[in-house]
C-alpha atoms as a PDB file:
ATOM      1  CA  MET A   1      -0.345   0.169   0.215  1.00  0.00           C
ATOM      2  CA  GLN A   2       1.689   3.291  -1.140  1.00  0.00           C
ATOM      3  CA  GLU A   3       1.836   6.023   1.621  1.00  0.00           C
ATOM      4  CA  SER A   4      -0.242   9.214   0.844  1.00  0.00           C
ATOM      5  CA  GLN A   5       2.652  11.653   0.099  1.00  0.00           C
ATOM      6  CA  GLU A   6       2.310  14.811   2.408  1.00  0.00           C
ATOM      7  CA  ILE A   7       2.049  18.193   1.500  1.00  0.00           C
ATOM      8  CA  PRO A   8       4.379  20.765   2.838  1.00  0.00           C
ATOM      9  CA  ALA A   9       2.566  23.740   4.502  1.00  0.00           C
ATOM     10  CA  LYS A  10       3.177  26.632   2.798  1.00  0.00           C
ATOM     11  CA  GLN A  11       6.126  28.868   4.351  1.00  0.00           C
ATOM     12  CA  PRO A  12       5.123  32.821   4.641  1.00  0.00           C
ATOM     13  CA  GLN A  13       7.360  34.707   2.481  1.00  0.00           C
ATOM     14  CA  PRO A  14       9.645  37.192   3.586  1.00  0.00           C
ATOM     15  CA  PHE A  15       7.577  40.970   3.035  1.00  0.00           C
ATOM     16  CA  GLU A  16       4.399  39.139   2.204  1.00  0.00           C
ATOM     17  CA  ASN A  17       2.454  41.300   4.603  1.00  0.00           C
ATOM     18  CA  ALA A  18       5.102  44.235   5.113  1.00  0.00           C
ATOM     19  CA  GLY A  19       2.652  46.541   3.363  1.00  0.00           C
ATOM     20  CA  LYS A  20      -0.119  45.894   5.011  1.00  0.00           C
ATOM     21  CA  HIS A  21       1.706  46.531   8.083  1.00  0.00           C
ATOM     22  CA  HIS A  22       3.850  49.577   6.972  1.00  0.00           C
ATOM     23  CA  ALA A  23      -0.020  50.888   6.199  1.00  0.00           C
ATOM     24  CA  HIS A  24      -1.797  50.332   9.479  1.00  0.00           C
ATOM     25  CA  ALA A  25       1.358  51.599  10.863  1.00  0.00           C
ATOM     26  CA  ARG A  26       1.152  55.018   9.030  1.00  0.00           C
ATOM     27  CA  GLU A  27      -2.498  54.949   9.885  1.00  0.00           C
ATOM     28  CA  GLU A  28      -1.686  54.308  13.711  1.00  0.00           C
ATOM     29  CA  THR A  29       1.122  57.506  13.337  1.00  0.00           C
ATOM     30  CA  GLY A  30      -1.485  59.650  11.840  1.00  0.00           C
ATOM     31  CA  ASN A  31      -4.119  58.941  14.632  1.00  0.00           C
ATOM     32  CA  GLU A  32      -1.540  59.641  17.013  1.00  0.00           C
ATOM     33  CA  ALA A  33      -0.384  62.630  15.299  1.00  0.00           C
ATOM     34  CA  ARG A  34      -3.772  64.134  14.711  1.00  0.00           C
ATOM     35  CA  GLU A  35      -5.013  63.699  18.685  1.00  0.00           C
ATOM     36  CA  LYS A  36      -1.116  65.571  19.455  1.00  0.00           C
ATOM     37  CA  LEU A  37      -2.574  68.312  17.495  1.00  0.00           C
ATOM     38  CA  LEU A  38      -5.670  68.404  18.889  1.00  0.00           C
ATOM     39  CA  THR A  39      -5.163  68.074  22.359  1.00  0.00           C
ATOM     40  CA  ASP A  40      -2.376  71.191  21.590  1.00  0.00           C
ATOM     41  CA  PHE A  41      -5.786  72.929  19.913  1.00  0.00           C
ATOM     42  CA  ARG A  42      -7.628  72.338  23.435  1.00  0.00           C
ATOM     43  CA  GLU A  43      -4.997  73.825  24.895  1.00  0.00           C
ATOM     44  CA  TYR A  44      -4.551  76.791  23.343  1.00  0.00           C
ATOM     45  CA  LEU A  45      -8.827  77.511  23.181  1.00  0.00           C
ATOM     46  CA  VAL A  46      -7.959  76.821  26.803  1.00  0.00           C
ATOM     47  CA  ALA A  47      -5.662  79.439  27.371  1.00  0.00           C
ATOM     48  CA  LEU A  48      -7.411  82.144  25.418  1.00  0.00           C
ATOM     49  CA  LYS A  49     -10.642  81.623  28.229  1.00  0.00           C
ATOM     50  CA  ARG A  50     -12.901  80.119  26.102  1.00  0.00           C
ATOM     51  CA  ALA A  51     -15.824  78.519  27.884  1.00  0.00           C
ATOM     52  CA  ARG A  52     -15.824  74.846  28.458  1.00  0.00           C
ATOM     53  CA  SER A  53     -18.758  74.440  26.302  1.00  0.00           C
ATOM     54  CA  THR A  54     -17.369  76.719  23.398  1.00  0.00           C
ATOM     55  CA  VAL A  55     -14.016  74.705  23.287  1.00  0.00           C
ATOM     56  CA  THR A  56     -16.251  71.291  23.315  1.00  0.00           C
ATOM     57  CA  ALA A  57     -18.622  72.393  20.373  1.00  0.00           C
ATOM     58  CA  THR A  58     -15.367  73.745  18.440  1.00  0.00           C
ATOM     59  CA  LEU A  59     -13.372  70.418  18.813  1.00  0.00           C
ATOM     60  CA  HIS A  60     -16.845  68.312  17.780  1.00  0.00           C
ATOM     61  CA  SER A  61     -17.433  70.930  14.966  1.00  0.00           C
ATOM     62  CA  LEU A  62     -14.153  69.561  13.296  1.00  0.00           C
ATOM     63  CA  THR A  63     -15.268  66.052  13.541  1.00  0.00           C
ATOM     64  CA  PRO A  64     -17.320  66.404   9.634  1.00  0.00           C
ATOM     65  CA  PHE A  65     -13.896  67.740   8.721  1.00  0.00           C
ATOM     66  CA  PHE A  66     -11.928  65.081   9.818  1.00  0.00           C
ATOM     67  CA  ALA A  67     -14.290  62.205   7.834  1.00  0.00           C
ATOM     68  CA  PHE A  68     -13.891  64.151   4.629  1.00  0.00           C
ATOM     69  CA  LEU A  69     -10.129  63.910   4.774  1.00  0.00           C
ATOM     70  CA  ASP A  70     -10.256  60.165   5.792  1.00  0.00           C
ATOM     71  CA  GLY A  71     -12.519  59.631   2.946  1.00  0.00           C
ATOM     72  CA  ARG A  72     -10.581  61.446   0.313  1.00  0.00           C
ATOM     73  CA  ASN A  73      -6.995  60.140   1.891  1.00  0.00           C
ATOM     74  CA  LEU A  74      -5.923  63.912   2.565  1.00  0.00           C
ATOM     75  CA  ASP A  75      -3.175  64.792   5.142  1.00  0.00           C
ATOM     76  CA  LEU A  76      -4.190  67.450   7.221  1.00  0.00           C
ATOM     77  CA  ARG A  77      -1.290  69.514   5.765  1.00  0.00           C
ATOM     78  CA  ALA A  78      -1.501  68.501   2.325  1.00  0.00           C
ATOM     79  CA  VAL A  79      -5.354  70.367   2.210  1.00  0.00           C
ATOM     80  CA  ALA A  80      -5.214  73.503  -0.526  1.00  0.00           C
ATOM     81  CA  LEU A  81      -8.241  75.740  -1.101  1.00  0.00           C
ATOM     82  CA  ARG A  82     -10.038  73.646  -3.452  1.00  0.00           C
ATOM     83  CA  ASP A  83     -10.247  70.498  -0.990  1.00  0.00           C
ATOM     84  CA  MET A  84     -11.840  73.255   1.293  1.00  0.00           C
ATOM     85  CA  GLU A  85     -14.452  74.308  -1.349  1.00  0.00           C
ATOM     86  CA  ALA A  86     -14.896  70.723  -2.126  1.00  0.00           C
ATOM     87  CA  TYR A  87     -15.728  70.350   1.603  1.00  0.00           C
ATOM     88  CA  LYS A  88     -18.352  73.008   1.771  1.00  0.00           C
ATOM     89  CA  ARG A  89     -19.734  71.546  -1.305  1.00  0.00           C
ATOM     90  CA  GLU A  90     -20.190  68.556   1.048  1.00  0.00           C
ATOM     91  CA  LEU A  91     -21.566  70.012   3.702  1.00  0.00           C
ATOM     92  CA  GLN A  92     -24.152  71.830   1.197  1.00  0.00           C
ATOM     93  CA  LYS A  93     -25.127  68.676  -0.253  1.00  0.00           C
ATOM     94  CA  ALA A  94     -25.871  66.969   3.085  1.00  0.00           C
ATOM     95  CA  LYS A  95     -29.843  68.166   3.543  1.00  0.00           C
ATOM     96  CA  ARG A  96     -29.449  67.649   7.118  1.00  0.00           C
ATOM     97  CA  TYR A  97     -27.090  70.509   7.564  1.00  0.00           C
ATOM     98  CA  THR A  98     -28.192  74.531   7.773  1.00  0.00           C
ATOM     99  CA  ALA A  99     -26.565  77.322   6.536  1.00  0.00           C
ATOM    100  CA  HIS A 100     -25.914  78.247  10.014  1.00  0.00           C
ATOM    101  CA  THR A 101     -24.312  74.572  10.894  1.00  0.00           C
ATOM    102  CA  ARG A 102     -22.353  74.777   7.959  1.00  0.00           C
ATOM    103  CA  ASN A 103     -20.776  77.857   8.872  1.00  0.00           C
ATOM    104  CA  THR A 104     -20.182  76.744  12.336  1.00  0.00           C
ATOM    105  CA  TYR A 105     -18.114  73.768  10.976  1.00  0.00           C
ATOM    106  CA  LEU A 106     -16.333  75.942   8.555  1.00  0.00           C
ATOM    107  CA  ARG A 107     -15.288  78.302  10.718  1.00  0.00           C
ATOM    108  CA  ALA A 108     -13.984  75.816  13.103  1.00  0.00           C
ATOM    109  CA  VAL A 109     -11.660  74.504  10.488  1.00  0.00           C
ATOM    110  CA  ARG A 110     -10.695  78.046   9.708  1.00  0.00           C
ATOM    111  CA  ARG A 111      -9.771  78.916  13.303  1.00  0.00           C
ATOM    112  CA  PHE A 112      -7.944  75.195  13.460  1.00  0.00           C
ATOM    113  CA  TYR A 113      -5.717  76.144  10.662  1.00  0.00           C
ATOM    114  CA  THR A 114      -5.352  79.801  11.482  1.00  0.00           C
ATOM    115  CA  TRP A 115      -3.531  78.189  14.810  1.00  0.00           C
ATOM    116  CA  GLN A 116      -1.706  75.990  12.759  1.00  0.00           C
ATOM    117  CA  GLU A 117      -0.050  78.766  10.830  1.00  0.00           C
ATOM    118  CA  ARG A 118       0.428  81.158  13.720  1.00  0.00           C
ATOM    119  CA  THR A 119       2.204  78.087  15.294  1.00  0.00           C
ATOM    120  CA  GLY A 120       4.245  76.951  12.444  1.00  0.00           C
ATOM    121  CA  LYS A 121       2.506  73.334  11.643  1.00  0.00           C
ATOM    122  CA  VAL A 122       1.619  74.314   8.374  1.00  0.00           C
ATOM    123  CA  LEU A 123       3.092  76.950   5.616  1.00  0.00           C
ATOM    124  CA  VAL A 124      -0.431  77.918   4.248  1.00  0.00           C
ATOM    125  CA  ASP A 125      -3.488  78.446   5.415  1.00  0.00           C
ATOM    126  CA  PRO A 126      -5.826  76.903   3.174  1.00  0.00           C
ATOM    127  CA  THR A 127      -9.136  78.406   4.478  1.00  0.00           C
ATOM    128  CA  ASP A 128      -7.472  81.769   3.631  1.00  0.00           C
ATOM    129  CA  GLY A 129      -9.984  82.765   0.260  1.00  0.00           C
ATOM    130  CA  LEU A 130     -12.848  80.576   1.390  1.00  0.00           C
ATOM    131  CA  HIS A 131     -15.941  81.985   1.688  1.00  0.00           C
ATOM    132  CA  LEU A 132     -18.658  81.340   4.464  1.00  0.00           C
ATOM    133  CA  SER A 133     -22.514  80.428   3.294  1.00  0.00           C
ATOM    134  CA  GLU A 134     -24.816  83.065   3.154  1.00  0.00           C
ATOM    135  CA  VAL A 135     -27.284  83.540   5.801  1.00  0.00           C
ATOM    136  CA  LYS A 136     -30.505  84.887   5.781  1.00  0.00           C
ATOM    137  CA  ASP A 137     -30.886  87.011   9.090  1.00  0.00           C
ATOM    138  CA  SER A 138     -33.969  85.324  10.872  1.00  0.00           C
ATOM    139  CA  LEU A 139     -35.944  86.798  13.953  1.00  0.00           C
ATOM    140  CA  PRO A 140     -35.526  84.853  17.147  1.00  0.00           C
ATOM    141  CA  LYS A 141     -38.476  82.300  17.345  1.00  0.00           C
ATOM    142  CA  SER A 142     -39.178  82.380  20.922  1.00  0.00           C
ATOM    143  CA  VAL A 143     -39.865  85.315  22.143  1.00  0.00           C
ATOM    144  CA  LEU A 144     -42.621  85.831  24.882  1.00  0.00           C
ATOM    145  CA  THR A 145     -45.444  88.454  25.732  1.00  0.00           C
ATOM    146  CA  LEU A 146     -45.895  90.428  28.658  1.00  0.00           C
ATOM    147  CA  CYS A 147     -48.596  88.069  29.594  1.00  0.00           C
ATOM    148  CA  GLU A 148     -46.677  84.340  29.268  1.00  0.00           C
ATOM    149  CA  ILE A 149     -43.275  86.049  31.111  1.00  0.00           C
ATOM    150  CA  ARG A 150     -45.877  86.880  33.812  1.00  0.00           C
ATOM    151  CA  LYS A 151     -47.106  83.344  33.892  1.00  0.00           C
ATOM    152  CA  LEU A 152     -43.784  81.753  33.400  1.00  0.00           C
ATOM    153  CA  LEU A 153     -42.289  84.102  36.269  1.00  0.00           C
ATOM    154  CA  ASP A 154     -45.133  83.023  38.407  1.00  0.00           C
ATOM    155  CA  ALA A 155     -44.768  79.385  38.072  1.00  0.00           C
ATOM    156  CA  PRO A 156     -42.177  78.388  40.951  1.00  0.00           C
ATOM    157  CA  ASP A 157     -43.615  77.065  44.403  1.00  0.00           C
ATOM    158  CA  THR A 158     -42.000  79.836  46.575  1.00  0.00           C
ATOM    159  CA  SER A 159     -42.824  78.310  49.675  1.00  0.00           C
ATOM    160  CA  THR A 160     -40.087  75.675  49.179  1.00  0.00           C
ATOM    161  CA  PRO A 161     -36.102  76.911  49.115  1.00  0.00           C
ATOM    162  CA  CYS A 162     -35.885  75.094  45.621  1.00  0.00           C
ATOM    163  CA  GLY A 163     -38.852  77.145  44.491  1.00  0.00           C
ATOM    164  CA  ILE A 164     -37.513  80.520  46.086  1.00  0.00           C
ATOM    165  CA  ARG A 165     -34.157  79.368  43.785  1.00  0.00           C
ATOM    166  CA  ASP A 166     -36.051  78.695  40.853  1.00  0.00           C
ATOM    167  CA  LYS A 167     -38.264  82.061  40.719  1.00  0.00           C
ATOM    168  CA  THR A 168     -35.076  83.508  41.502  1.00  0.00           C
ATOM    169  CA  LEU A 169     -33.296  82.381  38.776  1.00  0.00           C
ATOM    170  CA  LEU A 170     -36.040  83.339  36.341  1.00  0.00           C
ATOM    171  CA  GLU A 171     -36.196  86.762  37.856  1.00  0.00           C
ATOM    172  CA  VAL A 172     -32.417  86.948  36.858  1.00  0.00           C
ATOM    173  CA  PHE A 173     -32.572  86.010  33.564  1.00  0.00           C
ATOM    174  CA  TYR A 174     -35.432  88.175  32.346  1.00  0.00           C
ATOM    175  CA  SER A 175     -33.825  90.929  34.496  1.00  0.00           C
ATOM    176  CA  THR A 176     -30.277  90.897  32.992  1.00  0.00           C
ATOM    177  CA  GLY A 177     -30.608  88.967  29.620  1.00  0.00           C
ATOM    178  CA  ILE A 178     -27.106  87.158  31.024  1.00  0.00           C
ATOM    179  CA  ARG A 179     -26.169  83.929  29.044  1.00  0.00           C
ATOM    180  CA  LEU A 180     -26.918  80.539  30.638  1.00  0.00           C
ATOM    181  CA  ALA A 181     -22.988  79.521  31.224  1.00  0.00           C
ATOM    182  CA  GLU A 182     -23.299  83.367  32.745  1.00  0.00           C
ATOM    183  CA  LEU A 183     -25.883  82.843  34.767  1.00  0.00           C
ATOM    184  CA  CYS A 184     -24.343  78.973  36.211  1.00  0.00           C
ATOM    185  CA  ALA A 185     -20.739  80.639  36.617  1.00  0.00           C
ATOM    186  CA  LEU A 186     -22.469  83.508  38.926  1.00  0.00           C
ATOM    187  CA  THR A 187     -20.667  83.136  42.732  1.00  0.00           C
ATOM    188  CA  VAL A 188     -22.338  85.309  45.410  1.00  0.00           C
ATOM    189  CA  TYR A 189     -19.156  87.032  45.168  1.00  0.00           C
ATOM    190  CA  ASN A 190     -20.244  88.477  42.119  1.00  0.00           C
ATOM    191  CA  VAL A 191     -23.907  89.805  43.196  1.00  0.00           C
ATOM    192  CA  ASP A 192     -24.128  92.961  44.547  1.00  0.00           C
ATOM    193  CA  VAL A 193     -27.545  93.543  46.190  1.00  0.00           C
ATOM    194  CA  PRO A 194     -27.636  96.850  47.435  1.00  0.00           C
ATOM    195  CA  GLY A 195     -26.548  98.482  44.548  1.00  0.00           C
ATOM    196  CA  GLY A 196     -28.811  96.192  42.090  1.00  0.00           C
ATOM    197  CA  TYR A 197     -25.763  94.852  39.836  1.00  0.00           C
ATOM    198  CA  VAL A 198     -24.035  91.391  38.561  1.00  0.00           C
ATOM    199  CA  ARG A 199     -21.080  91.326  37.547  1.00  0.00           C
ATOM    200  CA  VAL A 200     -20.338  88.833  34.887  1.00  0.00           C
ATOM    201  CA  ASN A 201     -16.768  87.259  34.840  1.00  0.00           C
ATOM    202  CA  ASN A 202     -15.279  86.295  31.361  1.00  0.00           C
ATOM    203  CA  GLY A 203     -17.910  86.160  29.463  1.00  0.00           C
ATOM    204  CA  LYS A 204     -18.305  85.260  25.798  1.00  0.00           C
ATOM    205  CA  GLY A 205     -15.224  86.261  24.464  1.00  0.00           C
ATOM    206  CA  ALA A 206     -13.380  86.398  27.355  1.00  0.00           C
ATOM    207  CA  LYS A 207     -14.915  89.621  28.507  1.00  0.00           C
ATOM    208  CA  ASP A 208     -15.916  90.935  31.940  1.00  0.00           C
ATOM    209  CA  ARG A 209     -19.152  93.542  32.135  1.00  0.00           C
ATOM    210  CA  VAL A 210     -21.317  94.635  34.926  1.00  0.00           C
ATOM    211  CA  VAL A 211     -25.097  94.165  34.702  1.00  0.00           C
ATOM    212  CA  PRO A 212     -27.974  96.070  36.201  1.00  0.00           C
ATOM    213  CA  MET A 213     -30.537  94.036  37.999  1.00  0.00           C
ATOM    214  CA  GLY A 214     -34.328  95.151  38.333  1.00  0.00           C
ATOM    215  CA  ARG A 215     -35.853  95.803  41.306  1.00  0.00           C
ATOM    216  CA  LYS A 216     -37.779  92.474  41.417  1.00  0.00           C
ATOM    217  CA  ALA A 217     -34.729  90.586  40.465  1.00  0.00           C
ATOM    218  CA  THR A 218     -32.779  91.991  43.521  1.00  0.00           C
ATOM    219  CA  GLN A 219     -35.647  91.391  45.728  1.00  0.00           C
ATOM    220  CA  TYR A 220     -36.071  87.675  44.887  1.00  0.00           C
ATOM    221  CA  VAL A 221     -31.820  87.366  44.788  1.00  0.00           C
ATOM    222  CA  ARG A 222     -32.083  88.772  48.656  1.00  0.00           C
ATOM    223  CA  GLU A 223     -34.933  86.530  49.484  1.00  0.00           C
ATOM    224  CA  TYR A 224     -32.590  83.647  48.183  1.00  0.00           C
ATOM    225  CA  LEU A 225     -29.796  84.506  50.376  1.00  0.00           C
ATOM    226  CA  ARG A 226     -31.394  85.051  53.101  1.00  0.00           C
ATOM    227  CA  GLN A 227     -33.852  82.067  53.170  1.00  0.00           C
ATOM    228  CA  ALA A 228     -33.203  79.280  50.615  1.00  0.00           C
ATOM    229  CA  ARG A 229     -29.433  79.419  49.799  1.00  0.00           C
ATOM    230  CA  GLY A 230     -28.026  78.466  53.090  1.00  0.00           C
ATOM    231  CA  ILE A 231     -30.718  75.184  53.590  1.00  0.00           C
ATOM    232  CA  ILE A 232     -29.915  73.567  50.261  1.00  0.00           C
ATOM    233  CA  THR A 233     -25.884  74.271  50.653  1.00  0.00           C
ATOM    234  CA  ARG A 234     -26.404  72.832  54.257  1.00  0.00           C
ATOM    235  CA  ASN A 235     -23.996  70.028  53.491  1.00  0.00           C
ATOM    236  CA  ARG A 236     -21.634  72.513  51.367  1.00  0.00           C
ATOM    237  CA  ARG A 237     -20.727  75.112  53.254  1.00  0.00           C
ATOM    238  CA  ASP A 238     -17.869  76.150  51.286  1.00  0.00           C
ATOM    239  CA  GLU A 239     -19.241  76.558  48.036  1.00  0.00           C
ATOM    240  CA  ARG A 240     -19.368  79.859  46.408  1.00  0.00           C
ATOM    241  CA  ALA A 241     -22.005  79.198  43.786  1.00  0.00           C
ATOM    242  CA  LEU A 242     -24.770  81.910  43.947  1.00  0.00           C
ATOM    243  CA  PHE A 243     -26.961  79.323  42.199  1.00  0.00           C
ATOM    244  CA  VAL A 244     -26.690  75.615  43.409  1.00  0.00           C
ATOM    245  CA  GLY A 245     -28.812  71.930  43.011  1.00  0.00           C
ATOM    246  CA  ARG A 246     -30.259  70.248  45.086  1.00  0.00           C
ATOM    247  CA  ARG A 247     -26.798  68.587  46.761  1.00  0.00           C
ATOM    248  CA  GLY A 248     -25.568  72.112  47.283  1.00  0.00           C
ATOM    249  CA  LYS A 249     -23.281  71.991  44.153  1.00  0.00           C
ATOM    250  CA  ARG A 250     -23.156  74.326  41.165  1.00  0.00           C
ATOM    251  CA  ILE A 251     -26.014  74.135  39.504  1.00  0.00           C
ATOM    252  CA  GLN A 252     -25.750  72.773  35.740  1.00  0.00           C
ATOM    253  CA  PRO A 253     -26.870  73.754  32.551  1.00  0.00           C
ATOM    254  CA  GLY A 254     -28.712  71.138  31.458  1.00  0.00           C
ATOM    255  CA  ILE A 255     -30.528  71.349  35.005  1.00  0.00           C
ATOM    256  CA  VAL A 256     -31.197  74.810  34.398  1.00  0.00           C
ATOM    257  CA  GLN A 257     -32.621  74.172  30.936  1.00  0.00           C
ATOM    258  CA  TRP A 258     -34.843  71.167  32.294  1.00  0.00           C
ATOM    259  CA  LEU A 259     -36.348  73.367  35.033  1.00  0.00           C
ATOM    260  CA  ILE A 260     -37.240  76.234  32.123  1.00  0.00           C
ATOM    261  CA  ARG A 261     -38.910  73.684  30.365  1.00  0.00           C
ATOM    262  CA  CYS A 262     -41.205  72.270  32.861  1.00  0.00           C
ATOM    263  CA  TYR A 263     -42.117  75.617  34.244  1.00  0.00           C
ATOM    264  CA  ALA A 264     -43.288  76.478  30.662  1.00  0.00           C
ATOM    265  CA  ARG A 265     -45.265  73.440  30.769  1.00  0.00           C
ATOM    266  CA  LYS A 266     -46.706  74.615  34.016  1.00  0.00           C
ATOM    267  CA  ALA A 267     -47.806  77.994  32.983  1.00  0.00           C
ATOM    268  CA  GLY A 268     -49.372  76.925  29.402  1.00  0.00           C
ATOM    269  CA  ILE A 269     -47.006  78.211  26.880  1.00  0.00           C
ATOM    270  CA  ARG A 270     -47.230  76.448  23.856  1.00  0.00           C
ATOM    271  CA  LYS A 271     -43.314  78.175  23.018  1.00  0.00           C
ATOM    272  CA  HIS A 272     -39.898  76.364  22.659  1.00  0.00           C
ATOM    273  CA  VAL A 273     -38.856  78.336  25.818  1.00  0.00           C
ATOM    274  CA  THR A 274     -35.252  78.104  26.951  1.00  0.00           C
ATOM    275  CA  PRO A 275     -32.633  80.135  28.634  1.00  0.00           C
ATOM    276  CA  HIS A 276     -31.491  81.969  25.428  1.00  0.00           C
ATOM    277  CA  ALA A 277     -35.558  82.484  24.562  1.00  0.00           C
ATOM    278  CA  LEU A 278     -35.501  84.350  28.135  1.00  0.00           C
ATOM    279  CA  ARG A 279     -32.537  86.503  26.707  1.00  0.00           C
ATOM    280  CA  HIS A 280     -34.401  87.756  23.646  1.00  0.00           C
ATOM    281  CA  THR A 281     -37.544  88.367  25.529  1.00  0.00           C
ATOM    282  CA  CYS A 282     -35.523  90.706  27.919  1.00  0.00           C
ATOM    283  CA  ALA A 283     -33.875  92.612  24.661  1.00  0.00           C
ATOM    284  CA  THR A 284     -37.102  92.952  23.001  1.00  0.00           C
ATOM    285  CA  HIS A 285     -39.281  94.031  26.121  1.00  0.00           C
ATOM    286  CA  LEU A 286     -36.221  96.930  26.857  1.00  0.00           C
ATOM    287  CA  LEU A 287     -36.726  98.170  23.300  1.00  0.00           C
ATOM    288  CA  GLN A 288     -40.277  98.254  22.958  1.00  0.00           C
ATOM    289  CA  GLY A 289     -40.328  99.917  26.406  1.00  0.00           C
ATOM    290  CA  GLY A 290     -37.660 102.928  24.574  1.00  0.00           C
ATOM    291  CA  ALA A 291     -34.573 101.745  25.897  1.00  0.00           C
ATOM    292  CA  ASP A 292     -31.329 102.946  24.056  1.00  0.00           C
ATOM    293  CA  ILE A 293     -30.182 100.356  21.185  1.00  0.00           C
ATOM    294  CA  THR A 294     -26.315 100.803  22.841  1.00  0.00           C
ATOM    295  CA  HIS A 295     -27.322  99.950  26.188  1.00  0.00           C
ATOM    296  CA  VAL A 296     -29.142  97.163  24.996  1.00  0.00           C
ATOM    297  CA  GLN A 297     -26.171  96.378  23.413  1.00  0.00           C
ATOM    298  CA  ARG A 298     -23.653  96.655  26.632  1.00  0.00           C
ATOM    299  CA  LEU A 299     -26.334  94.897  28.851  1.00  0.00           C
ATOM    300  CA  LEU A 300     -26.189  91.705  26.295  1.00  0.00           C
ATOM    301  CA  GLY A 301     -22.114  91.657  26.302  1.00  0.00           C
ATOM    302  CA  HIS A 302     -22.614  92.288  22.233  1.00  0.00           C
ATOM    303  CA  VAL A 303     -19.153  93.267  20.275  1.00  0.00           C
ATOM    304  CA  ASN A 304     -21.056  94.036  17.168  1.00  0.00           C
ATOM    305  CA  LEU A 305     -24.517  96.846  16.956  1.00  0.00           C
ATOM    306  CA  THR A 306     -25.553  94.603  14.294  1.00  0.00           C
ATOM    307  CA  THR A 307     -26.129  91.806  16.708  1.00  0.00           C
ATOM    308  CA  THR A 308     -28.390  93.563  18.933  1.00  0.00           C
ATOM    309  CA  GLN A 309     -30.171  95.794  15.815  1.00  0.00           C
ATOM    310  CA  ILE A 310     -31.717  92.352  15.107  1.00  0.00           C
ATOM    311  CA  TYR A 311     -34.448  92.749  18.385  1.00  0.00           C
ATOM    312  CA  THR A 312     -35.128  96.261  16.570  1.00  0.00           C
ATOM    313  CA  ARG A 313     -37.138  94.066  13.973  1.00  0.00           C
ATOM    314  CA  VAL A 314     -38.821  91.992  16.966  1.00  0.00           C
ATOM    315  CA  ALA A 315     -40.170  94.842  18.496  1.00  0.00           C
ATOM    316  CA  ALA A 316     -41.255  96.558  14.929  1.00  0.00           C
ATOM    317  CA  VAL A 317     -42.836  93.327  14.066  1.00  0.00           C
ATOM    318  CA  GLU A 318     -44.654  93.043  17.835  1.00  0.00           C
ATOM    319  CA  VAL A 319     -45.815  96.579  17.179  1.00  0.00           C
ATOM    320  CA  LYS A 320     -47.255  96.113  14.025  1.00  0.00           C
ATOM    321  CA  ALA A 321     -49.295  93.009  15.065  1.00  0.00           C
ATOM    322  CA  THR A 322     -50.194  94.936  17.995  1.00  0.00           C
ATOM    323  CA  HIS A 323     -51.410  97.920  15.826  1.00  0.00           C
ATOM    324  CA  ALA A 324     -53.307  95.152  13.140  1.00  0.00           C
ATOM    325  CA  ARG A 325     -55.162  93.883  16.231  1.00  0.00           C
ATOM    326  CA  THR A 326     -56.253  97.171  17.679  1.00  0.00           C
ATOM    327  CA  HIS A 327     -56.365  99.943  15.459  1.00  0.00           C
ATOM    328  CA  PRO A 328     -59.978 100.741  14.694  1.00  0.00           C
ATOM    329  CA  ARG A 329     -59.021 100.959  11.184  1.00  0.00           C
ATOM    330  CA  GLU A 330     -57.860  97.324  11.133  1.00  0.00           C
ATOM    331  CA  THR A 331     -60.788  96.140  13.149  1.00  0.00           C
ATOM    332  CA  GLY A 332     -63.240  96.993  10.993  1.00  0.00           C
ATOM    333  CA  SER A 333     -65.044  98.276  14.111  1.00  0.00           C
ATOM    334  CA  GLN A 334     -64.898 102.273  13.040  1.00  0.00           C
ATOM    335  CA  SER A 335     -67.360 102.328   9.700  1.00  0.00           C
ATOM    336  CA  ALA A 336     -66.291 104.814   6.928  1.00  0.00           C
ATOM    337  CA  PRO A 337     -68.408 108.158   7.566  1.00  0.00           C
ATOM    338  CA  LYS A 338     -71.143 108.521   5.636  1.00  0.00           C
ATOM    339  CA  GLU A 339     -71.224 111.181   2.840  1.00  0.00           C
ATOM    340  CA  LYS A 340     -73.370 114.301   3.364  1.00  0.00           C
ATOM    341  CA  PRO A 341     -76.212 114.421   0.822  1.00  0.00           C
ATOM    342  CA  ALA A 342     -75.806 117.608  -1.570  1.00  0.00           C
END
């Protein structure tokens, strides 16, 4: 009986998988270099005293750009203006992005490359000459009426410490028009109760400003500090944040947003009410009441007056709506005068 011939196992050939290993190594090296670059960029933004939310949002806005580069096998240092134009077209094709979102993504890339050029990581900024998408000016959608804001401010139950806190929080929002991050960052040392002022430290653009509080808001801040805050912070006497959560720690932006939504529902308001809607409402009502636009600009902390001027359009729309609703010639309550017979 003839023995079956043993077939020797295939021996691995030298450098057979070298290309794959080298490609994988290059990919790992590229990813590590990108991560190091992003870490340095984050530290740069933090050094500029940008808000934590701004830093996070800027880095997040770079994600679609990196996906675009990976899809085209492009290196960060090899990107040219034509590639940026191609990226802009890709964003435009994606119907889920509004013009505002597209511009946010493009601005993040522009900021990223501006930093790289200044630090010598790239020789030429490929975003130089890139034009952003045209954005039509849109009016703020959730400006509350006087009736709605009264209902919202009256919604908290002020028989409890947390209710007094929530009432105070809403009053400060509406009275000062400060941003959500600015309100959450306030400490007990930033409030001048006798004078009726709030000091906003390191606001948007790392700028400080002093904002006046109205009589009602000042009254509730005083009551909150005397009757409620000490109870909420009984286990955390070292906490210096003005507004605190149930456990006595600094209140988080997400909690504030949730509280405002809850009180809006309780007040029967069908609009989408957010902290920024209260900022819009504050500005609009001030202008409707005859406030000087430059004073409103300083109150809101706007760098450019054109940003504030959008609220004059909101006020004008409200005035026109009131005119149409109340003027006798619009409502038909005044009939045309009868002609006298000749």
